[in-house]
């Protein structure tokens, strides 16, 4: 067991720092999953309105991820992490303002931009790890990169529970979201420890065309189908779990 944890500590430095940076960015994603719907409920938004606005986050991801994932092949990925790290907290703060002031068009826009901004880091994370990790560390890199979502939920939930119980008059749902959005900028510390001279993926530089026929789409869809079913179930349950608990307390 001790030896296995040592392998994580000795992970290739660029990949490790990027994963640590993304972990703090996941604070926003995890915390909004935990508390955003409760905050909107406090302001009088109905469950149908919450679901309607939330759709725009995943709509942007759905239509953006496929072409973006093809386009970044052979390109530097670090700039997209920087975009996500800088913009996601700002978009979150703007979202809080829009929800508080009930500005419908701005709520829709911020949910849409939230999905786009978060996708920059999520889509690029695994290709970055695969490019930089030696072959004997790829498994550790992939495993650690997938743990960032759990880290964000655990740390975000701990912040919300602790602050709202110790300082209930100060750390309302709104202020908890604001605090976590600002705290997530700690991810910059690790991001700027990543070497800007990153490795590039293999691509035929003589061709500007994406050769979709070169992909084994049957195998890709076979691998995606189980994940898709899990994602549908999680997407239909996780965002509304806190509403269920609130209604049954």
Protein backbone atom coordinates (compact mmCIF):
# COMPACT_ATOMS: atom_id res chain seq x y z
CA UNK A 1 0.00 0.00 0.00
CA UNK A 2 2.78 2.42 0.94
CA UNK A 3 4.63 1.66 -2.28
CA UNK A 4 1.50 2.37 -4.34
CA UNK A 5 1.11 5.84 -2.80
CA UNK A 6 4.78 6.55 -3.51
CA UNK A 7 4.06 5.98 -7.18
CA UNK A 8 1.51 8.79 -7.09
CA UNK A 9 3.97 11.12 -5.37
CA UNK A 10 6.61 10.39 -8.00
CA UNK A 11 4.21 11.05 -10.89
CA UNK A 12 5.62 13.17 -13.71
CA UNK A 13 5.75 16.73 -12.31
CA UNK A 14 3.85 18.56 -15.05
CA UNK A 15 0.99 16.07 -14.92
CA UNK A 16 0.90 16.10 -11.12
CA UNK A 17 0.80 19.90 -10.90
CA UNK A 18 -1.89 20.12 -13.56
CA UNK A 19 -4.02 17.51 -11.76
CA UNK A 20 -3.60 19.41 -8.46
CA UNK A 21 -4.58 22.64 -10.19
CA UNK A 22 -7.66 21.02 -11.69
CA UNK A 23 -8.59 19.60 -8.30
CA UNK A 24 -9.07 23.08 -6.88
CA UNK A 25 -11.01 24.10 -9.97
CA UNK A 26 -13.30 21.15 -9.30
CA UNK A 27 -14.27 22.90 -6.06
CA UNK A 28 -16.63 25.04 -8.09
CA UNK A 29 -18.18 22.14 -9.95
CA UNK A 30 -18.62 20.02 -6.84
CA UNK A 31 -19.89 22.85 -4.65
CA UNK A 32 -22.42 24.08 -7.18
CA UNK A 33 -23.75 20.55 -7.46
CA UNK A 34 -24.18 20.52 -3.68
CA UNK A 35 -25.61 23.95 -2.98
CA UNK A 36 -26.66 25.83 -6.12
CA UNK A 37 -30.17 24.38 -6.31
CA UNK A 38 -30.68 25.05 -2.60
CA UNK A 39 -29.63 28.65 -3.11
CA UNK A 40 -32.02 29.05 -6.03
CA UNK A 41 -34.78 27.49 -3.93
CA UNK A 42 -34.18 30.06 -1.19
CA UNK A 43 -34.79 32.79 -3.77
CA UNK A 44 -38.06 31.25 -4.90
CA UNK A 45 -37.05 29.44 -8.09
CA UNK A 46 -39.17 26.39 -8.80
CA UNK A 47 -37.67 22.96 -9.44
CA UNK A 48 -38.67 23.17 -13.10
CA UNK A 49 -36.88 26.51 -13.46
CA UNK A 50 -33.73 25.08 -11.87
CA UNK A 51 -33.76 22.12 -14.25
CA UNK A 52 -34.39 24.43 -17.23
CA UNK A 53 -31.37 26.61 -16.47
CA UNK A 54 -29.15 23.64 -15.68
CA UNK A 55 -29.83 22.18 -19.13
CA UNK A 56 -27.84 25.01 -20.73
CA UNK A 57 -24.68 23.97 -18.93
CA UNK A 58 -24.76 20.50 -20.43
CA UNK A 59 -26.03 21.73 -23.80
CA UNK A 60 -22.85 23.76 -24.23
CA UNK A 61 -20.73 20.75 -23.24
CA UNK A 62 -22.61 18.46 -25.61
CA UNK A 63 -22.18 20.63 -28.70
CA UNK A 64 -18.70 21.90 -27.88
CA UNK A 65 -16.84 18.82 -26.69
CA UNK A 66 -16.89 16.74 -29.89
CA UNK A 67 -15.41 19.29 -32.33
CA UNK A 68 -13.08 20.70 -29.67
CA UNK A 69 -11.73 17.25 -28.83
CA UNK A 70 -10.80 16.73 -32.47
CA UNK A 71 -9.42 20.22 -32.97
CA UNK A 72 -6.90 20.12 -30.06
CA UNK A 73 -5.09 17.10 -31.48
CA UNK A 74 -1.44 18.06 -31.85
CA UNK A 75 -1.95 21.48 -30.20
CA UNK A 76 -0.75 22.93 -26.92
CA UNK A 77 -3.22 22.27 -24.12
CA UNK A 78 -1.91 24.46 -21.30
CA UNK A 79 -3.49 27.68 -22.66
CA UNK A 80 -6.94 26.09 -22.38
CA UNK A 81 -6.32 25.24 -18.74
CA UNK A 82 -5.38 28.87 -18.13
CA UNK A 83 -8.56 30.06 -19.82
CA UNK A 84 -10.66 27.73 -17.68
CA UNK A 85 -8.84 28.65 -14.45
CA UNK A 86 -9.27 32.39 -14.99
CA UNK A 87 -12.81 32.43 -16.37
CA UNK A 88 -14.66 29.77 -14.36
CA UNK A 89 -14.63 31.63 -11.01
CA UNK A 90 -15.65 34.87 -12.75
CA UNK A 91 -18.51 33.16 -14.55
CA UNK A 92 -19.60 31.60 -11.24
CA UNK A 93 -19.68 34.99 -9.50
CA UNK A 94 -21.59 36.46 -12.44
CA UNK A 95 -24.03 33.54 -12.23
CA UNK A 96 -24.67 34.26 -8.55
CA UNK A 97 -25.40 37.89 -9.41
CA UNK A 98 -27.74 36.91 -12.25
CA UNK A 99 -29.65 34.46 -10.05
CA UNK A 100 -29.93 36.96 -7.19
CA UNK A 101 -31.23 39.68 -9.52
CA UNK A 102 -33.39 37.21 -11.51
CA UNK A 103 -31.95 38.27 -14.89
CA UNK A 104 -33.14 35.39 -17.04
CA UNK A 105 -30.99 35.96 -20.12
CA UNK A 106 -27.87 36.35 -17.99
CA UNK A 107 -28.67 33.19 -16.00
CA UNK A 108 -28.93 31.23 -19.26
CA UNK A 109 -25.73 32.79 -20.60
CA UNK A 110 -23.69 32.11 -17.46
CA UNK A 111 -24.87 28.50 -17.25
CA UNK A 112 -23.91 28.07 -20.91
CA UNK A 113 -20.51 29.71 -20.42
CA UNK A 114 -19.94 27.73 -17.23
CA UNK A 115 -20.20 24.50 -19.25
CA UNK A 116 -17.85 25.83 -21.93
CA UNK A 117 -15.25 27.08 -19.49
CA UNK A 118 -15.21 23.88 -17.48
CA UNK A 119 -14.95 21.82 -20.66
CA UNK A 120 -11.63 23.45 -21.54
CA UNK A 121 -9.94 21.78 -18.57
CA UNK A 122 -11.98 18.57 -18.55
CA UNK A 123 -11.43 17.69 -22.20
CA UNK A 124 -7.72 18.57 -22.17
CA UNK A 125 -6.86 16.92 -18.85
CA UNK A 126 -6.54 13.30 -19.97
CA UNK A 127 -4.69 14.04 -23.26
CA UNK A 128 -2.21 16.15 -21.27
CA UNK A 129 -1.57 13.30 -18.84
CA UNK A 130 -1.16 10.77 -21.68
CA UNK A 131 1.31 13.04 -23.46
CA UNK A 132 3.53 13.67 -20.45
CA UNK A 133 3.42 10.57 -18.26
CA UNK A 134 5.93 7.78 -18.99
CA UNK A 135 4.29 4.52 -20.02
CA UNK A 136 4.80 2.97 -16.59
CA UNK A 137 2.95 5.91 -14.93
CA UNK A 138 -0.01 6.28 -17.28
CA UNK A 139 -2.33 4.22 -15.06
CA UNK A 140 -1.49 6.33 -12.00
CA UNK A 141 -1.94 9.53 -14.00
CA UNK A 142 -5.36 8.52 -15.30
CA UNK A 143 -6.51 7.32 -11.88
CA UNK A 144 -5.39 10.50 -10.15
CA UNK A 145 -6.95 12.71 -12.81
CA UNK A 146 -10.35 11.05 -12.28
CA UNK A 147 -10.13 11.59 -8.52
CA UNK A 148 -10.29 15.38 -8.89
CA UNK A 149 -14.10 15.32 -9.08
CA UNK A 150 -14.28 13.51 -5.73
CA UNK A 151 -11.72 15.87 -4.21
CA UNK A 152 -13.79 18.88 -5.27
CA UNK A 153 -16.95 17.42 -3.76
CA UNK A 154 -15.29 16.40 -0.48
CA UNK A 155 -13.45 19.68 0.07
CA UNK A 156 -16.36 21.79 -1.14
CA UNK A 157 -18.82 19.93 1.06
CA UNK A 158 -16.47 20.30 4.03
CA UNK A 159 -16.21 24.05 3.43
CA UNK A 160 -19.97 24.46 3.16
CA UNK A 161 -20.72 22.38 6.26
CA UNK A 162 -18.03 23.97 8.41
CA UNK A 163 -18.54 27.59 7.44
CA UNK A 164 -22.34 27.50 7.45
CA UNK A 165 -22.37 25.91 10.91
CA UNK A 166 -19.67 28.05 12.52
CA UNK A 167 -20.75 31.34 10.94
CA UNK A 168 -24.38 30.86 9.82
CA UNK A 169 -25.18 34.56 9.57
CA UNK A 170 -22.14 35.27 7.39
CA UNK A 171 -21.83 32.18 5.25
CA UNK A 172 -25.23 31.90 3.67
CA UNK A 173 -25.65 29.72 0.58
CA UNK A 174 -24.78 32.70 -1.59
CA UNK A 175 -21.65 33.61 0.35
CA UNK A 176 -20.48 30.00 0.45
CA UNK A 177 -20.58 29.89 -3.35
CA UNK A 178 -18.74 33.23 -3.57
CA UNK A 179 -16.08 32.09 -1.09
CA UNK A 180 -15.47 28.81 -2.93
CA UNK A 181 -15.31 30.55 -6.32
CA UNK A 182 -12.60 32.90 -5.00
CA UNK A 183 -10.78 30.11 -3.15
CA UNK A 184 -10.59 28.09 -6.38
CA UNK A 185 -8.06 30.60 -7.70
CA UNK A 186 -5.57 28.68 -5.57
CA UNK A 187 -5.41 26.40 -8.60
CA UNK A 188 -3.23 29.06 -10.27
CA UNK A 189 -0.40 28.22 -7.87
CA UNK A 190 -0.09 24.70 -9.27
CA UNK A 191 -0.93 25.66 -12.85
CA UNK A 192 2.01 28.04 -13.11
CA UNK A 193 4.35 25.32 -11.90
CA UNK A 194 3.59 23.42 -15.12
CA UNK A 195 6.31 23.80 -17.74
CA UNK A 196 4.99 25.92 -20.62
CA UNK A 197 7.17 23.94 -23.06
CA UNK A 198 4.73 21.07 -23.13
CA UNK A 199 4.86 18.01 -25.32
CA UNK A 200 2.62 17.96 -28.37
CA UNK A 201 0.56 15.01 -29.52
CA UNK A 202 1.37 13.17 -32.72
CA UNK A 203 -0.41 14.53 -35.78
CA UNK A 204 0.21 14.70 -39.48
CA UNK A 205 1.21 18.36 -39.86
CA UNK A 206 0.91 18.16 -43.67
CA UNK A 207 -2.86 17.75 -43.51
CA UNK A 208 -5.33 20.33 -42.26
CA UNK A 209 -8.28 18.01 -42.61
CA UNK A 210 -9.70 15.92 -39.81
CA UNK A 211 -9.91 12.39 -41.15
CA UNK A 212 -12.89 11.08 -39.21
CA UNK A 213 -12.86 7.83 -41.16
CA UNK A 214 -9.50 6.94 -39.59
CA UNK A 215 -11.16 6.45 -36.18
CA UNK A 216 -12.57 3.09 -35.11
CA UNK A 217 -16.04 4.46 -34.35
CA UNK A 218 -17.51 1.05 -33.56
CA UNK A 219 -14.94 0.50 -30.83
CA UNK A 220 -15.33 4.08 -29.59
CA UNK A 221 -19.10 3.76 -29.21
CA UNK A 222 -18.74 0.38 -27.53
CA UNK A 223 -16.53 2.03 -24.94
CA UNK A 224 -18.75 5.10 -24.60
CA UNK A 225 -22.10 3.36 -24.26
CA UNK A 226 -21.73 2.14 -20.65
CA UNK A 227 -20.35 5.54 -19.61
CA UNK A 228 -23.25 7.24 -21.39
CA UNK A 229 -25.80 5.21 -19.44
CA UNK A 230 -24.06 6.03 -16.16
CA UNK A 231 -23.86 9.72 -17.10
CA UNK A 232 -27.58 9.88 -17.92
CA UNK A 233 -28.47 8.33 -14.57
CA UNK A 234 -26.07 10.59 -12.67
CA UNK A 235 -27.23 13.68 -14.54
CA UNK A 236 -30.86 12.93 -13.70
CA UNK A 237 -30.20 12.29 -10.01
CA UNK A 238 -27.12 14.01 -8.57
CA UNK A 239 -28.15 17.67 -9.17
CA UNK A 240 -31.52 17.04 -7.51
CA UNK A 241 -30.30 14.95 -4.58
CA UNK A 242 -29.89 17.97 -2.31
CA UNK A 243 -33.47 19.05 -3.07
CA UNK A 244 -34.69 15.60 -2.02
CA UNK A 245 -32.84 15.78 1.28
CA UNK A 246 -34.09 19.29 1.93
CA UNK A 247 -37.69 18.25 1.28
CA UNK A 248 -37.44 15.31 3.69
CA UNK A 249 -35.71 17.01 6.61
